């Protein structure tokens, strides 16, 4: 099963490579990015996921896929 980090970074990498976003416009802070890279179990807080979804202009499907990992 794909982890939140794998799912998020796959979308993030695609957006970076296409030139749609940069790190500074992605909405993710350095601490969250570092944790995603080193802790496979880490899931960002829901509010921060929502911020990234907005800043990265994610589709509704991508947003829902990421939010599925968030704790209520």
Protein backbone atom coordinates (compact mmCIF):
# COMPACT_ATOMS: atom_id res chain seq x y z
CA UNK A 1 0.00 0.00 0.00
CA UNK A 2 1.25 3.45 -0.92
CA UNK A 3 2.09 5.72 2.02
CA UNK A 4 1.06 9.35 2.31
CA UNK A 5 4.66 10.40 1.70
CA UNK A 6 4.89 8.33 -1.48
CA UNK A 7 1.58 9.68 -2.78
CA UNK A 8 2.36 13.30 -1.88
CA UNK A 9 5.91 13.24 -3.25
CA UNK A 10 4.78 11.61 -6.50
CA UNK A 11 2.34 14.48 -7.09
CA UNK A 12 4.86 17.06 -5.84
CA UNK A 13 7.62 15.75 -8.14
CA UNK A 14 5.31 15.79 -11.17
CA UNK A 15 4.28 19.40 -10.45
CA UNK A 16 7.91 20.49 -9.88
CA UNK A 17 9.17 18.79 -13.05
CA UNK A 18 6.42 20.33 -15.16
CA UNK A 19 7.29 23.78 -13.83
CA UNK A 20 3.80 24.30 -12.38
CA UNK A 21 5.18 24.96 -8.89
CA UNK A 22 8.40 25.60 -7.00
CA UNK A 23 9.20 24.56 -3.46
CA UNK A 24 8.40 28.07 -2.22
CA UNK A 25 4.99 28.11 -3.94
CA UNK A 26 4.01 24.55 -2.98
CA UNK A 27 2.72 25.47 0.47
CA UNK A 28 4.83 22.84 2.24
CA UNK A 29 7.20 23.96 4.97
CA UNK A 30 10.73 22.63 5.32
CA UNK A 31 9.97 20.62 8.46
CA UNK A 32 7.09 18.75 6.83
CA UNK A 33 9.12 18.12 3.69
CA UNK A 34 12.03 16.73 5.71
CA UNK A 35 9.71 14.47 7.74
CA UNK A 36 8.10 13.15 4.55
CA UNK A 37 11.54 12.29 3.21
CA UNK A 38 12.82 10.49 6.33
CA UNK A 39 9.72 9.09 8.08
CA UNK A 40 7.62 6.78 5.88
CA UNK A 41 4.79 6.79 8.45
CA UNK A 42 4.48 10.59 8.68
CA UNK A 43 1.25 12.23 7.55
CA UNK A 44 0.97 16.01 7.54
CA UNK A 45 -1.83 17.61 9.57
CA UNK A 46 -5.09 17.99 7.62
CA UNK A 47 -4.92 21.79 7.52
CA UNK A 48 -1.44 21.68 6.03
CA UNK A 49 -2.53 19.12 3.44
CA UNK A 50 -5.38 21.44 2.45
CA UNK A 51 -2.96 24.37 2.12
CA UNK A 52 -0.66 22.34 -0.14
CA UNK A 53 -3.60 21.14 -2.24
CA UNK A 54 -4.66 24.74 -2.83
CA UNK A 55 -1.16 26.10 -3.50
CA UNK A 56 -0.26 23.20 -5.80
CA UNK A 57 -3.59 23.48 -7.70
CA UNK A 58 -4.43 19.81 -7.21
CA UNK A 59 -7.43 18.18 -8.81
CA UNK A 60 -10.32 17.13 -6.59
CA UNK A 61 -9.24 13.50 -7.08
CA UNK A 62 -5.65 14.23 -5.95
CA UNK A 63 -6.91 16.22 -2.98
CA UNK A 64 -9.24 13.42 -1.88
CA UNK A 65 -6.45 10.85 -2.26
CA UNK A 66 -4.19 12.86 0.09
CA UNK A 67 -6.94 13.68 2.58
CA UNK A 68 -7.78 9.97 2.86
CA UNK A 69 -4.58 9.63 4.93
CA UNK A 70 -5.42 12.49 7.32
CA UNK A 71 -6.72 11.70 10.77
CA UNK A 72 -10.07 13.15 11.61
